[in-house]
Amino acid sequence: QVQLVESGGGLVQAGGSLRLSCAASGSFFRINAMGWYRQAPGKQRELVATITRDGSTNYADSVKGRFTISRDNGKNTVYLQMNSLKPGDTAVYYCNVRASTRWYEAEADYWGQGTQVTVSS
């Protein structure tokens, strides 16, 4: 059974750094992409960053130059290095994995439970 375990959230001061981790467990035939999304109170969930199996990355405009997404395929783990954090980055961050568990199955999205990131002024 697929499970995503997130860690690394917490409270930091503006300008500080934080590193999020998400470990995916279970048997995957193919992981097509891994990424991070976030949702702040009163706002819609938004894409933060994604990385495909060939290494292509995509970032939200608001985090370009500050956040870096990376992966460890051997551990089925995706990371989000967040630097120069701003109060506007405060949100619950959700790990996402887009993958198929069987060769004959279409890909599906799997989500973690979320980890709180709070950036103080």
PDB file of N, CA and C in Angstrom:
ATOM      1  N   GLN A   1       0.848  -1.183   0.000  1.00  0.00           N
ATOM      2  CA  GLN A   1       0.000   0.000   0.000  1.00  0.00           C
ATOM      3  C   GLN A   1       0.888   1.238   0.000  1.00  0.00           C
ATOM      4  N   VAL A   2       0.519   2.220  -0.786  1.00  0.00           N
ATOM      5  CA  VAL A   2       1.319   3.421  -0.945  1.00  0.00           C
ATOM      6  C   VAL A   2       1.110   4.359   0.229  1.00  0.00           C
ATOM      7  N   GLN A   3       2.202   4.842   0.778  1.00  0.00           N
ATOM      8  CA  GLN A   3       2.155   5.828   1.845  1.00  0.00           C
ATOM      9  C   GLN A   3       3.246   6.865   1.622  1.00  0.00           C
ATOM     10  N   LEU A   4       2.928   8.112   1.914  1.00  0.00           N
ATOM     11  CA  LEU A   4       3.879   9.200   1.830  1.00  0.00           C
ATOM     12  C   LEU A   4       4.050   9.800   3.215  1.00  0.00           C
ATOM     13  N   VAL A   5       5.279   9.871   3.679  1.00  0.00           N
ATOM     14  CA  VAL A   5       5.577  10.405   4.999  1.00  0.00           C
ATOM     15  C   VAL A   5       6.409  11.664   4.849  1.00  0.00           C
ATOM     16  N   GLU A   6       5.873  12.779   5.334  1.00  0.00           N
ATOM     17  CA  GLU A   6       6.522  14.070   5.223  1.00  0.00           C
ATOM     18  C   GLU A   6       7.172  14.460   6.543  1.00  0.00           C
ATOM     19  N   SER A   7       8.241  15.233   6.445  1.00  0.00           N
ATOM     20  CA  SER A   7       8.918  15.721   7.631  1.00  0.00           C
ATOM     21  C   SER A   7       9.671  16.997   7.296  1.00  0.00           C
ATOM     22  N   GLY A   8      10.073  17.719   8.325  1.00  0.00           N
ATOM     23  CA  GLY A   8      10.902  18.897   8.138  1.00  0.00           C
ATOM     24  C   GLY A   8      10.205  20.224   8.346  1.00  0.00           C
ATOM     25  N   GLY A   9       8.901  20.215   8.533  1.00  0.00           N
ATOM     26  CA  GLY A   9       8.188  21.461   8.759  1.00  0.00           C
ATOM     27  C   GLY A   9       8.484  22.029  10.135  1.00  0.00           C
ATOM     28  N   GLY A  10       8.094  23.277  10.326  1.00  0.00           N
ATOM     29  CA  GLY A  10       8.318  23.910  11.605  1.00  0.00           C
ATOM     30  C   GLY A  10       8.177  25.412  11.529  1.00  0.00           C
ATOM     31  N   LEU A  11       8.638  26.075  12.582  1.00  0.00           N
ATOM     32  CA  LEU A  11       8.586  27.526  12.695  1.00  0.00           C
ATOM     33  C   LEU A  11       9.972  28.109  12.481  1.00  0.00           C
ATOM     34  N   VAL A  12      10.074  29.046  11.553  1.00  0.00           N
ATOM     35  CA  VAL A  12      11.345  29.701  11.266  1.00  0.00           C
ATOM     36  C   VAL A  12      11.128  31.197  11.112  1.00  0.00           C
ATOM     37  N   GLN A  13      12.205  31.956  11.256  1.00  0.00           N
ATOM     38  CA  GLN A  13      12.153  33.400  11.047  1.00  0.00           C
ATOM     39  C   GLN A  13      12.303  33.730   9.570  1.00  0.00           C
ATOM     40  N   ALA A  14      11.761  34.870   9.183  1.00  0.00           N
ATOM     41  CA  ALA A  14      11.930  35.337   7.815  1.00  0.00           C
ATOM     42  C   ALA A  14      13.408  35.410   7.470  1.00  0.00           C
ATOM     43  N   GLY A  15      13.739  34.943   6.276  1.00  0.00           N
ATOM     44  CA  GLY A  15      15.123  34.899   5.845  1.00  0.00           C
ATOM     45  C   GLY A  15      15.813  33.594   6.154  1.00  0.00           C
ATOM     46  N   GLY A  16      15.177  32.759   6.941  1.00  0.00           N
ATOM     47  CA  GLY A  16      15.756  31.487   7.308  1.00  0.00           C
ATOM     48  C   GLY A  16      15.533  30.423   6.263  1.00  0.00           C
ATOM     49  N   SER A  17      15.979  29.216   6.586  1.00  0.00           N
ATOM     50  CA  SER A  17      15.894  28.094   5.665  1.00  0.00           C
ATOM     51  C   SER A  17      15.257  26.894   6.328  1.00  0.00           C
ATOM     52  N   LEU A  18      14.699  26.043   5.501  1.00  0.00           N
ATOM     53  CA  LEU A  18      14.059  24.830   5.973  1.00  0.00           C
ATOM     54  C   LEU A  18      14.145  23.795   4.858  1.00  0.00           C
ATOM     55  N   ARG A  19      14.260  22.542   5.234  1.00  0.00           N
ATOM     56  CA  ARG A  19      14.347  21.461   4.262  1.00  0.00           C
ATOM     57  C   ARG A  19      13.255  20.438   4.545  1.00  0.00           C
ATOM     58  N   LEU A  20      12.373  20.249   3.587  1.00  0.00           N
ATOM     59  CA  LEU A  20      11.297  19.279   3.705  1.00  0.00           C
ATOM     60  C   LEU A  20      11.684  17.978   3.022  1.00  0.00           C
ATOM     61  N   SER A  21      11.229  16.878   3.586  1.00  0.00           N
ATOM     62  CA  SER A  21      11.468  15.566   3.011  1.00  0.00           C
ATOM     63  C   SER A  21      10.156  14.815   2.893  1.00  0.00           C
ATOM     64  N   CYS A  22      10.064  13.991   1.884  1.00  0.00           N
ATOM     65  CA  CYS A  22       8.893  13.145   1.686  1.00  0.00           C
ATOM     66  C   CYS A  22       9.360  11.792   1.183  1.00  0.00           C
ATOM     67  N   ALA A  23       9.115  10.771   1.973  1.00  0.00           N
ATOM     68  CA  ALA A  23       9.505   9.414   1.619  1.00  0.00           C
ATOM     69  C   ALA A  23       8.277   8.621   1.205  1.00  0.00           C
ATOM     70  N   ALA A  24       8.334   8.058   0.024  1.00  0.00           N
ATOM     71  CA  ALA A  24       7.241   7.250  -0.500  1.00  0.00           C
ATOM     72  C   ALA A  24       7.549   5.777  -0.288  1.00  0.00           C
ATOM     73  N   SER A  25       6.628   5.086   0.323  1.00  0.00           N
ATOM     74  CA  SER A  25       6.786   3.659   0.549  1.00  0.00           C
ATOM     75  C   SER A  25       5.737   2.889  -0.232  1.00  0.00           C
ATOM     76  N   GLY A  26       6.057   1.654  -0.559  1.00  0.00           N
ATOM     77  CA  GLY A  26       5.181   0.838  -1.367  1.00  0.00           C
ATOM     78  C   GLY A  26       5.857   0.471  -2.668  1.00  0.00           C
ATOM     79  N   SER A  27       5.207  -0.373  -3.424  1.00  0.00           N
ATOM     80  CA  SER A  27       5.760  -0.841  -4.682  1.00  0.00           C
ATOM     81  C   SER A  27       5.224   0.003  -5.831  1.00  0.00           C
ATOM     82  N   PHE A  28       6.125   0.682  -6.520  1.00  0.00           N
ATOM     83  CA  PHE A  28       5.762   1.496  -7.684  1.00  0.00           C
ATOM     84  C   PHE A  28       6.363   0.885  -8.939  1.00  0.00           C
ATOM     85  N   PHE A  29       5.553   0.765  -9.962  1.00  0.00           N
ATOM     86  CA  PHE A  29       6.079   0.354 -11.255  1.00  0.00           C
ATOM     87  C   PHE A  29       6.882   1.494 -11.870  1.00  0.00           C
ATOM     88  N   ARG A  30       6.318   2.691 -11.787  1.00  0.00           N
ATOM     89  CA  ARG A  30       6.992   3.859 -12.328  1.00  0.00           C
ATOM     90  C   ARG A  30       6.499   5.116 -11.620  1.00  0.00           C
ATOM     91  N   ILE A  31       7.433   5.891 -11.121  1.00  0.00           N
ATOM     92  CA  ILE A  31       7.117   7.203 -10.585  1.00  0.00           C
ATOM     93  C   ILE A  31       7.404   8.220 -11.680  1.00  0.00           C
ATOM     94  N   ASN A  32       6.379   8.894 -12.129  1.00  0.00           N
ATOM     95  CA  ASN A  32       6.523   9.848 -13.222  1.00  0.00           C
ATOM     96  C   ASN A  32       6.948  11.227 -12.738  1.00  0.00           C
ATOM     97  N   ALA A  33       6.482  11.609 -11.569  1.00  0.00           N
ATOM     98  CA  ALA A  33       6.825  12.913 -11.039  1.00  0.00           C
ATOM     99  C   ALA A  33       6.605  12.941  -9.537  1.00  0.00           C
ATOM    100  N   MET A  34       7.347  13.803  -8.875  1.00  0.00           N
ATOM    101  CA  MET A  34       7.174  14.054  -7.460  1.00  0.00           C
ATOM    102  C   MET A  34       7.162  15.560  -7.276  1.00  0.00           C
ATOM    103  N   GLY A  35       6.452  16.010  -6.270  1.00  0.00           N
ATOM    104  CA  GLY A  35       6.399  17.443  -6.094  1.00  0.00           C
ATOM    105  C   GLY A  35       5.833  17.878  -4.765  1.00  0.00           C
ATOM    106  N   TRP A  36       5.765  19.184  -4.632  1.00  0.00           N
ATOM    107  CA  TRP A  36       5.251  19.813  -3.428  1.00  0.00           C
ATOM    108  C   TRP A  36       4.186  20.833  -3.791  1.00  0.00           C
ATOM    109  N   TYR A  37       3.123  20.836  -3.020  1.00  0.00           N
ATOM    110  CA  TYR A  37       2.056  21.807  -3.129  1.00  0.00           C
ATOM    111  C   TYR A  37       1.849  22.416  -1.750  1.00  0.00           C
ATOM    112  N   ARG A  38       1.221  23.571  -1.701  1.00  0.00           N
ATOM    113  CA  ARG A  38       0.974  24.186  -0.408  1.00  0.00           C
ATOM    114  C   ARG A  38      -0.388  24.865  -0.398  1.00  0.00           C
ATOM    115  N   GLN A  39      -0.925  25.012   0.800  1.00  0.00           N
ATOM    116  CA  GLN A  39      -2.209  25.658   0.973  1.00  0.00           C
ATOM    117  C   GLN A  39      -2.174  26.516   2.227  1.00  0.00           C
ATOM    118  N   ALA A  40      -2.389  27.797   2.044  1.00  0.00           N
ATOM    119  CA  ALA A  40      -2.458  28.742   3.148  1.00  0.00           C
ATOM    120  C   ALA A  40      -3.911  28.943   3.540  1.00  0.00           C
ATOM    121  N   PRO A  41      -4.173  29.373   4.774  1.00  0.00           N
ATOM    122  CA  PRO A  41      -5.553  29.607   5.204  1.00  0.00           C
ATOM    123  C   PRO A  41      -6.278  30.570   4.278  1.00  0.00           C
ATOM    124  N   GLY A  42      -7.466  30.176   3.841  1.00  0.00           N
ATOM    125  CA  GLY A  42      -8.259  31.020   2.976  1.00  0.00           C
ATOM    126  C   GLY A  42      -7.833  31.047   1.526  1.00  0.00           C
ATOM    127  N   LYS A  43      -6.865  30.232   1.153  1.00  0.00           N
ATOM    128  CA  LYS A  43      -6.381  30.207  -0.215  1.00  0.00           C
ATOM    129  C   LYS A  43      -6.468  28.802  -0.792  1.00  0.00           C
ATOM    130  N   GLN A  44      -6.431  28.728  -2.115  1.00  0.00           N
ATOM    131  CA  GLN A  44      -6.453  27.443  -2.788  1.00  0.00           C
ATOM    132  C   GLN A  44      -5.087  26.775  -2.726  1.00  0.00           C
ATOM    133  N   ARG A  45      -5.097  25.457  -2.828  1.00  0.00           N
ATOM    134  CA  ARG A  45      -3.839  24.739  -2.902  1.00  0.00           C
ATOM    135  C   ARG A  45      -3.132  25.093  -4.207  1.00  0.00           C
ATOM    136  N   GLU A  46      -1.844  25.333  -4.128  1.00  0.00           N
ATOM    137  CA  GLU A  46      -1.085  25.737  -5.291  1.00  0.00           C
ATOM    138  C   GLU A  46       0.183  24.913  -5.439  1.00  0.00           C
ATOM    139  N   LEU A  47       0.617  24.797  -6.670  1.00  0.00           N
ATOM    140  CA  LEU A  47       1.857  24.099  -6.961  1.00  0.00           C
ATOM    141  C   LEU A  47       3.042  24.916  -6.467  1.00  0.00           C
ATOM    142  N   VAL A  48       3.997  24.240  -5.858  1.00  0.00           N
ATOM    143  CA  VAL A  48       5.235  24.874  -5.429  1.00  0.00           C
ATOM    144  C   VAL A  48       6.369  24.463  -6.361  1.00  0.00           C
ATOM    145  N   ALA A  49       6.578  23.166  -6.504  1.00  0.00           N
ATOM    146  CA  ALA A  49       7.652  22.661  -7.353  1.00  0.00           C
ATOM    147  C   ALA A  49       7.403  21.203  -7.680  1.00  0.00           C
ATOM    148  N   THR A  50       7.832  20.791  -8.864  1.00  0.00           N
ATOM    149  CA  THR A  50       7.743  19.394  -9.266  1.00  0.00           C
ATOM    150  C   THR A  50       9.039  18.978  -9.942  1.00  0.00           C
ATOM    151  N   ILE A  51       9.284  17.683  -9.943  1.00  0.00           N
ATOM    152  CA  ILE A  51      10.430  17.124 -10.647  1.00  0.00           C
ATOM    153  C   ILE A  51       9.993  15.815 -11.282  1.00  0.00           C
ATOM    154  N   THR A  52      10.286  15.651 -12.561  1.00  0.00           N
ATOM    155  CA  THR A  52       9.902  14.452 -13.288  1.00  0.00           C
ATOM    156  C   THR A  52      10.990  13.394 -13.176  1.00  0.00           C
ATOM    157  N   ARG A  53      10.697  12.204 -13.693  1.00  0.00           N
ATOM    158  CA  ARG A  53      11.663  11.122 -13.581  1.00  0.00           C
ATOM    159  C   ARG A  53      12.914  11.372 -14.403  1.00  0.00           C
ATOM    160  N   ASP A  54      12.838  12.227 -15.411  1.00  0.00           N
ATOM    161  CA  ASP A  54      14.025  12.559 -16.191  1.00  0.00           C
ATOM    162  C   ASP A  54      14.760  13.773 -15.636  1.00  0.00           C
ATOM    163  N   GLY A  55      14.286  14.309 -14.516  1.00  0.00           N
ATOM    164  CA  GLY A  55      14.978  15.393 -13.855  1.00  0.00           C
ATOM    165  C   GLY A  55      14.494  16.788 -14.165  1.00  0.00           C
ATOM    166  N   SER A  56      13.510  16.928 -15.020  1.00  0.00           N
ATOM    167  CA  SER A  56      12.983  18.248 -15.340  1.00  0.00           C
ATOM    168  C   SER A  56      12.257  18.826 -14.134  1.00  0.00           C
ATOM    169  N   THR A  57      12.472  20.102 -13.872  1.00  0.00           N
ATOM    170  CA  THR A  57      11.858  20.752 -12.727  1.00  0.00           C
ATOM    171  C   THR A  57      10.949  21.884 -13.158  1.00  0.00           C
ATOM    172  N   ASN A  58       9.999  22.182 -12.304  1.00  0.00           N
ATOM    173  CA  ASN A  58       9.065  23.267 -12.528  1.00  0.00           C
ATOM    174  C   ASN A  58       8.795  23.940 -11.194  1.00  0.00           C
ATOM    175  N   TYR A  59       8.832  25.276 -11.179  1.00  0.00           N
ATOM    176  CA  TYR A  59       8.635  26.026  -9.951  1.00  0.00           C
ATOM    177  C   TYR A  59       7.571  27.088 -10.130  1.00  0.00           C
ATOM    178  N   ALA A  60       6.849  27.342  -9.064  1.00  0.00           N
ATOM    179  CA  ALA A  60       5.960  28.489  -9.048  1.00  0.00           C
ATOM    180  C   ALA A  60       6.793  29.760  -9.113  1.00  0.00           C
ATOM    181  N   ASP A  61       6.266  30.780  -9.772  1.00  0.00           N
ATOM    182  CA  ASP A  61       7.008  32.030  -9.908  1.00  0.00           C
ATOM    183  C   ASP A  61       7.396  32.618  -8.551  1.00  0.00           C
ATOM    184  N   SER A  62       6.556  32.429  -7.565  1.00  0.00           N
ATOM    185  CA  SER A  62       6.784  33.025  -6.261  1.00  0.00           C
ATOM    186  C   SER A  62       7.967  32.423  -5.507  1.00  0.00           C
ATOM    187  N   VAL A  63       8.435  31.249  -5.931  1.00  0.00           N
ATOM    188  CA  VAL A  63       9.523  30.593  -5.206  1.00  0.00           C
ATOM    189  C   VAL A  63      10.777  30.421  -6.046  1.00  0.00           C
ATOM    190  N   LYS A  64      10.742  30.814  -7.298  1.00  0.00           N
ATOM    191  CA  LYS A  64      11.908  30.671  -8.163  1.00  0.00           C
ATOM    192  C   LYS A  64      13.100  31.427  -7.593  1.00  0.00           C
ATOM    193  N   GLY A  65      14.234  30.763  -7.591  1.00  0.00           N
ATOM    194  CA  GLY A  65      15.440  31.364  -7.056  1.00  0.00           C
ATOM    195  C   GLY A  65      15.609  31.187  -5.569  1.00  0.00           C
ATOM    196  N   ARG A  66      14.568  30.745  -4.879  1.00  0.00           N
ATOM    197  CA  ARG A  66      14.639  30.552  -3.434  1.00  0.00           C
ATOM    198  C   ARG A  66      14.510  29.083  -3.028  1.00  0.00           C
ATOM    199  N   PHE A  67      13.677  28.346  -3.739  1.00  0.00           N
ATOM    200  CA  PHE A  67      13.434  26.941  -3.415  1.00  0.00           C
ATOM    201  C   PHE A  67      14.115  26.043  -4.438  1.00  0.00           C
ATOM    202  N   THR A  68      14.533  24.875  -3.994  1.00  0.00           N
ATOM    203  CA  THR A  68      15.127  23.882  -4.872  1.00  0.00           C
ATOM    204  C   THR A  68      14.539  22.515  -4.565  1.00  0.00           C
ATOM    205  N   ILE A  69      14.018  21.858  -5.589  1.00  0.00           N
ATOM    206  CA  ILE A  69      13.487  20.521  -5.422  1.00  0.00           C
ATOM    207  C   ILE A  69      14.519  19.513  -5.913  1.00  0.00           C
ATOM    208  N   SER A  70      14.626  18.407  -5.221  1.00  0.00           N
ATOM    209  CA  SER A  70      15.552  17.357  -5.601  1.00  0.00           C
ATOM    210  C   SER A  70      14.961  16.015  -5.202  1.00  0.00           C
ATOM    211  N   ARG A  71      15.608  14.959  -5.638  1.00  0.00           N
ATOM    212  CA  ARG A  71      15.087  13.626  -5.357  1.00  0.00           C
ATOM    213  C   ARG A  71      16.212  12.636  -5.138  1.00  0.00           C
ATOM    214  N   ASP A  72      15.884  11.558  -4.466  1.00  0.00           N
ATOM    215  CA  ASP A  72      16.766  10.419  -4.302  1.00  0.00           C
ATOM    216  C   ASP A  72      15.954   9.211  -4.750  1.00  0.00           C
ATOM    217  N   ASN A  73      16.156   8.802  -5.982  1.00  0.00           N
ATOM    218  CA  ASN A  73      15.357   7.718  -6.538  1.00  0.00           C
ATOM    219  C   ASN A  73      15.553   6.399  -5.792  1.00  0.00           C
ATOM    220  N   GLY A  74      16.741   6.181  -5.289  1.00  0.00           N
ATOM    221  CA  GLY A  74      17.006   4.952  -4.550  1.00  0.00           C
ATOM    222  C   GLY A  74      16.190   4.843  -3.277  1.00  0.00           C
ATOM    223  N   LYS A  75      15.825   5.978  -2.701  1.00  0.00           N
ATOM    224  CA  LYS A  75      15.041   6.009  -1.475  1.00  0.00           C
ATOM    225  C   LYS A  75      13.596   6.417  -1.718  1.00  0.00           C
ATOM    226  N   ASN A  76      13.238   6.650  -2.977  1.00  0.00           N
ATOM    227  CA  ASN A  76      11.902   7.152  -3.310  1.00  0.00           C
ATOM    228  C   ASN A  76      11.546   8.359  -2.450  1.00  0.00           C
ATOM    229  N   THR A  77      12.471   9.282  -2.380  1.00  0.00           N
ATOM    230  CA  THR A  77      12.324  10.448  -1.528  1.00  0.00           C
ATOM    231  C   THR A  77      12.509  11.728  -2.333  1.00  0.00           C
ATOM    232  N   VAL A  78      11.680  12.705  -2.050  1.00  0.00           N
ATOM    233  CA  VAL A  78      11.791  14.010  -2.674  1.00  0.00           C
ATOM    234  C   VAL A  78      12.023  15.044  -1.582  1.00  0.00           C
ATOM    235  N   TYR A  79      12.839  16.049  -1.894  1.00  0.00           N
ATOM    236  CA  TYR A  79      13.199  17.077  -0.935  1.00  0.00           C
ATOM    237  C   TYR A  79      12.824  18.449  -1.482  1.00  0.00           C
ATOM    238  N   LEU A  80      12.605  19.357  -0.578  1.00  0.00           N
ATOM    239  CA  LEU A  80      12.388  20.745  -0.945  1.00  0.00           C
ATOM    240  C   LEU A  80      13.240  21.611  -0.032  1.00  0.00           C
ATOM    241  N   GLN A  81      14.310  22.169  -0.591  1.00  0.00           N
ATOM    242  CA  GLN A  81      15.159  23.087   0.145  1.00  0.00           C
ATOM    243  C   GLN A  81      14.598  24.489  -0.014  1.00  0.00           C
ATOM    244  N   MET A  82      14.222  25.105   1.083  1.00  0.00           N
ATOM    245  CA  MET A  82      13.599  26.412   1.070  1.00  0.00           C
ATOM    246  C   MET A  82      14.529  27.418   1.734  1.00  0.00           C
ATOM    247  N   ASN A  83      14.985  28.378   0.965  1.00  0.00           N
ATOM    248  CA  ASN A  83      15.861  29.430   1.458  1.00  0.00           C
ATOM    249  C   ASN A  83      15.167  30.776   1.356  1.00  0.00           C
ATOM    250  N   SER A  84      15.694  31.740   2.079  1.00  0.00           N
ATOM    251  CA  SER A  84      15.147  33.101   2.066  1.00  0.00           C
ATOM    252  C   SER A  84      13.640  33.099   2.278  1.00  0.00           C
ATOM    253  N   LEU A  85      13.213  32.378   3.278  1.00  0.00           N
ATOM    254  CA  LEU A  85      11.788  32.224   3.533  1.00  0.00           C
ATOM    255  C   LEU A  85      11.125  33.548   3.890  1.00  0.00           C
ATOM    256  N   LYS A  86       9.905  33.697   3.437  1.00  0.00           N
ATOM    257  CA  LYS A  86       9.104  34.885   3.669  1.00  0.00           C
ATOM    258  C   LYS A  86       7.834  34.508   4.415  1.00  0.00           C
ATOM    259  N   PRO A  87       7.224  35.462   5.128  1.00  0.00           N
ATOM    260  CA  PRO A  87       5.952  35.162   5.792  1.00  0.00           C
ATOM    261  C   PRO A  87       4.900  34.627   4.834  1.00  0.00           C
ATOM    262  N   GLY A  88       4.940  35.051   3.575  1.00  0.00           N
ATOM    263  CA  GLY A  88       3.999  34.568   2.586  1.00  0.00           C
ATOM    264  C   GLY A  88       4.157  33.102   2.238  1.00  0.00           C
ATOM    265  N   ASP A  89       5.260  32.497   2.665  1.00  0.00           N
ATOM    266  CA  ASP A  89       5.459  31.068   2.445  1.00  0.00           C
ATOM    267  C   ASP A  89       4.739  30.217   3.477  1.00  0.00           C
ATOM    268  N   THR A  90       4.180  30.841   4.492  1.00  0.00           N
ATOM    269  CA  THR A  90       3.470  30.115   5.532  1.00  0.00           C
ATOM    270  C   THR A  90       2.292  29.354   4.940  1.00  0.00           C
ATOM    271  N   ALA A  91       2.267  28.057   5.169  1.00  0.00           N
ATOM    272  CA  ALA A  91       1.224  27.209   4.610  1.00  0.00           C
ATOM    273  C   ALA A  91       1.443  25.781   5.078  1.00  0.00           C
ATOM    274  N   VAL A  92       0.472  24.946   4.784  1.00  0.00           N
ATOM    275  CA  VAL A  92       0.654  23.507   4.933  1.00  0.00           C
ATOM    276  C   VAL A  92       1.196  22.992   3.612  1.00  0.00           C
ATOM    277  N   TYR A  93       2.307  22.301   3.669  1.00  0.00           N
ATOM    278  CA  TYR A  93       2.957  21.790   2.469  1.00  0.00           C
ATOM    279  C   TYR A  93       2.639  20.307   2.306  1.00  0.00           C
ATOM    280  N   TYR A  94       2.184  19.948   1.113  1.00  0.00           N
ATOM    281  CA  TYR A  94       1.780  18.586   0.814  1.00  0.00           C
ATOM    282  C   TYR A  94       2.695  17.968  -0.228  1.00  0.00           C
ATOM    283  N   CYS A  95       3.136  16.775   0.049  1.00  0.00           N
ATOM    284  CA  CYS A  95       3.923  16.014  -0.899  1.00  0.00           C
ATOM    285  C   CYS A  95       2.998  15.314  -1.884  1.00  0.00           C
ATOM    286  N   ASN A  96       3.399  15.282  -3.133  1.00  0.00           N
ATOM    287  CA  ASN A  96       2.623  14.618  -4.176  1.00  0.00           C
ATOM    288  C   ASN A  96       3.513  13.689  -4.989  1.00  0.00           C
ATOM    289  N   VAL A  97       3.001  12.508  -5.263  1.00  0.00           N
ATOM    290  CA  VAL A  97       3.681  11.559  -6.138  1.00  0.00           C
ATOM    291  C   VAL A  97       2.713  11.133  -7.222  1.00  0.00           C
ATOM    292  N   ARG A  98       3.133  11.268  -8.454  1.00  0.00           N
ATOM    293  CA  ARG A  98       2.333  10.807  -9.589  1.00  0.00           C
ATOM    294  C   ARG A  98       3.007   9.556 -10.123  1.00  0.00           C
ATOM    295  N   ALA A  99       2.294   8.426 -10.006  1.00  0.00           N
ATOM    296  CA  ALA A  99       2.922   7.160 -10.313  1.00  0.00           C
ATOM    297  C   ALA A  99       1.898   6.112 -10.687  1.00  0.00           C
ATOM    298  N   SER A 100       2.391   5.045 -11.284  1.00  0.00           N
ATOM    299  CA  SER A 100       1.600   3.858 -11.539  1.00  0.00           C
ATOM    300  C   SER A 100       2.188   2.719 -10.724  1.00  0.00           C
ATOM    301  N   THR A 101       1.337   1.873 -10.194  1.00  0.00           N
ATOM    302  CA  THR A 101       1.797   0.746  -9.392  1.00  0.00           C
ATOM    303  C   THR A 101       1.858  -0.548 -10.190  1.00  0.00           C
ATOM    304  N   ARG A 102       1.263  -0.568 -11.358  1.00  0.00           N
ATOM    305  CA  ARG A 102       1.293  -1.709 -12.258  1.00  0.00           C
ATOM    306  C   ARG A 102       1.514  -1.228 -13.678  1.00  0.00           C
ATOM    307  N   TRP A 103       2.124  -2.044 -14.513  1.00  0.00           N
ATOM    308  CA  TRP A 103       2.420  -1.616 -15.874  1.00  0.00           C
ATOM    309  C   TRP A 103       1.162  -1.349 -16.675  1.00  0.00           C
ATOM    310  N   TYR A 104       0.083  -2.015 -16.310  1.00  0.00           N
ATOM    311  CA  TYR A 104      -1.164  -1.901 -17.051  1.00  0.00           C
ATOM    312  C   TYR A 104      -2.125  -0.868 -16.445  1.00  0.00           C
ATOM    313  N   GLU A 105      -1.717  -0.212 -15.387  1.00  0.00           N
ATOM    314  CA  GLU A 105      -2.554   0.785 -14.739  1.00  0.00           C
ATOM    315  C   GLU A 105      -2.131   2.199 -15.131  1.00  0.00           C
ATOM    316  N   ALA A 106      -3.123   3.066 -15.228  1.00  0.00           N
ATOM    317  CA  ALA A 106      -2.837   4.468 -15.472  1.00  0.00           C
ATOM    318  C   ALA A 106      -2.222   5.089 -14.226  1.00  0.00           C
ATOM    319  N   GLU A 107      -1.515   6.176 -14.414  1.00  0.00           N
ATOM    320  CA  GLU A 107      -0.904   6.846 -13.278  1.00  0.00           C
ATOM    321  C   GLU A 107      -1.973   7.467 -12.384  1.00  0.00           C
ATOM    322  N   ALA A 108      -1.626   7.613 -11.136  1.00  0.00           N
ATOM    323  CA  ALA A 108      -2.519   8.221 -10.161  1.00  0.00           C
ATOM    324  C   ALA A 108      -1.721   9.139  -9.253  1.00  0.00           C
ATOM    325  N   ASP A 109      -2.423  10.046  -8.590  1.00  0.00           N
ATOM    326  CA  ASP A 109      -1.791  10.971  -7.657  1.00  0.00           C
ATOM    327  C   ASP A 109      -1.926  10.467  -6.232  1.00  0.00           C
ATOM    328  N   TYR A 110      -0.828  10.503  -5.510  1.00  0.00           N
ATOM    329  CA  TYR A 110      -0.798  10.122  -4.109  1.00  0.00           C
ATOM    330  C   TYR A 110      -0.344  11.322  -3.298  1.00  0.00           C
ATOM    331  N   TRP A 111      -0.966  11.508  -2.147  1.00  0.00           N
ATOM    332  CA  TRP A 111      -0.729  12.701  -1.342  1.00  0.00           C
ATOM    333  C   TRP A 111      -0.323  12.370   0.084  1.00  0.00           C
ATOM    334  N   GLY A 112       0.585  13.172   0.613  1.00  0.00           N
ATOM    335  CA  GLY A 112       0.921  13.077   2.016  1.00  0.00           C
ATOM    336  C   GLY A 112      -0.091  13.822   2.859  1.00  0.00           C
ATOM    337  N   GLN A 113       0.067  13.728   4.173  1.00  0.00           N
ATOM    338  CA  GLN A 113      -0.870  14.359   5.093  1.00  0.00           C
ATOM    339  C   GLN A 113      -0.606  15.849   5.289  1.00  0.00           C
ATOM    340  N   GLY A 114       0.544  16.316   4.875  1.00  0.00           N
ATOM    341  CA  GLY A 114       0.880  17.720   4.991  1.00  0.00           C
ATOM    342  C   GLY A 114       1.754  18.009   6.199  1.00  0.00           C
ATOM    343  N   THR A 115       2.608  18.998   6.057  1.00  0.00           N
ATOM    344  CA  THR A 115       3.457  19.446   7.151  1.00  0.00           C
ATOM    345  C   THR A 115       3.400  20.970   7.214  1.00  0.00           C
ATOM    346  N   GLN A 116       3.231  21.494   8.414  1.00  0.00           N
ATOM    347  CA  GLN A 116       3.057  22.932   8.601  1.00  0.00           C
ATOM    348  C   GLN A 116       4.394  23.661   8.542  1.00  0.00           C
ATOM    349  N   VAL A 117       4.424  24.709   7.739  1.00  0.00           N
ATOM    350  CA  VAL A 117       5.568  25.616   7.683  1.00  0.00           C
ATOM    351  C   VAL A 117       5.073  26.999   8.066  1.00  0.00           C
ATOM    352  N   THR A 118       5.655  27.563   9.105  1.00  0.00           N
ATOM    353  CA  THR A 118       5.276  28.888   9.566  1.00  0.00           C
ATOM    354  C   THR A 118       6.504  29.783   9.575  1.00  0.00           C
ATOM    355  N   VAL A 119       6.408  30.905   8.889  1.00  0.00           N
ATOM    356  CA  VAL A 119       7.511  31.859   8.800  1.00  0.00           C
ATOM    357  C   VAL A 119       7.098  33.134   9.515  1.00  0.00           C
ATOM    358  N   SER A 120       7.804  33.484  10.552  1.00  0.00           N
ATOM    359  CA  SER A 120       7.488  34.659  11.345  1.00  0.00           C
ATOM    360  C   SER A 120       8.204  35.886  10.804  1.00  0.00           C
ATOM    361  N   SER A 121       7.652  37.054  11.116  1.00  0.00           N
ATOM    362  CA  SER A 121       8.253  38.313  10.685  1.00  0.00           C
ATOM    363  C   SER A 121       9.439  38.684  11.544  1.00  0.00           C
TER     364      SER A 121
END
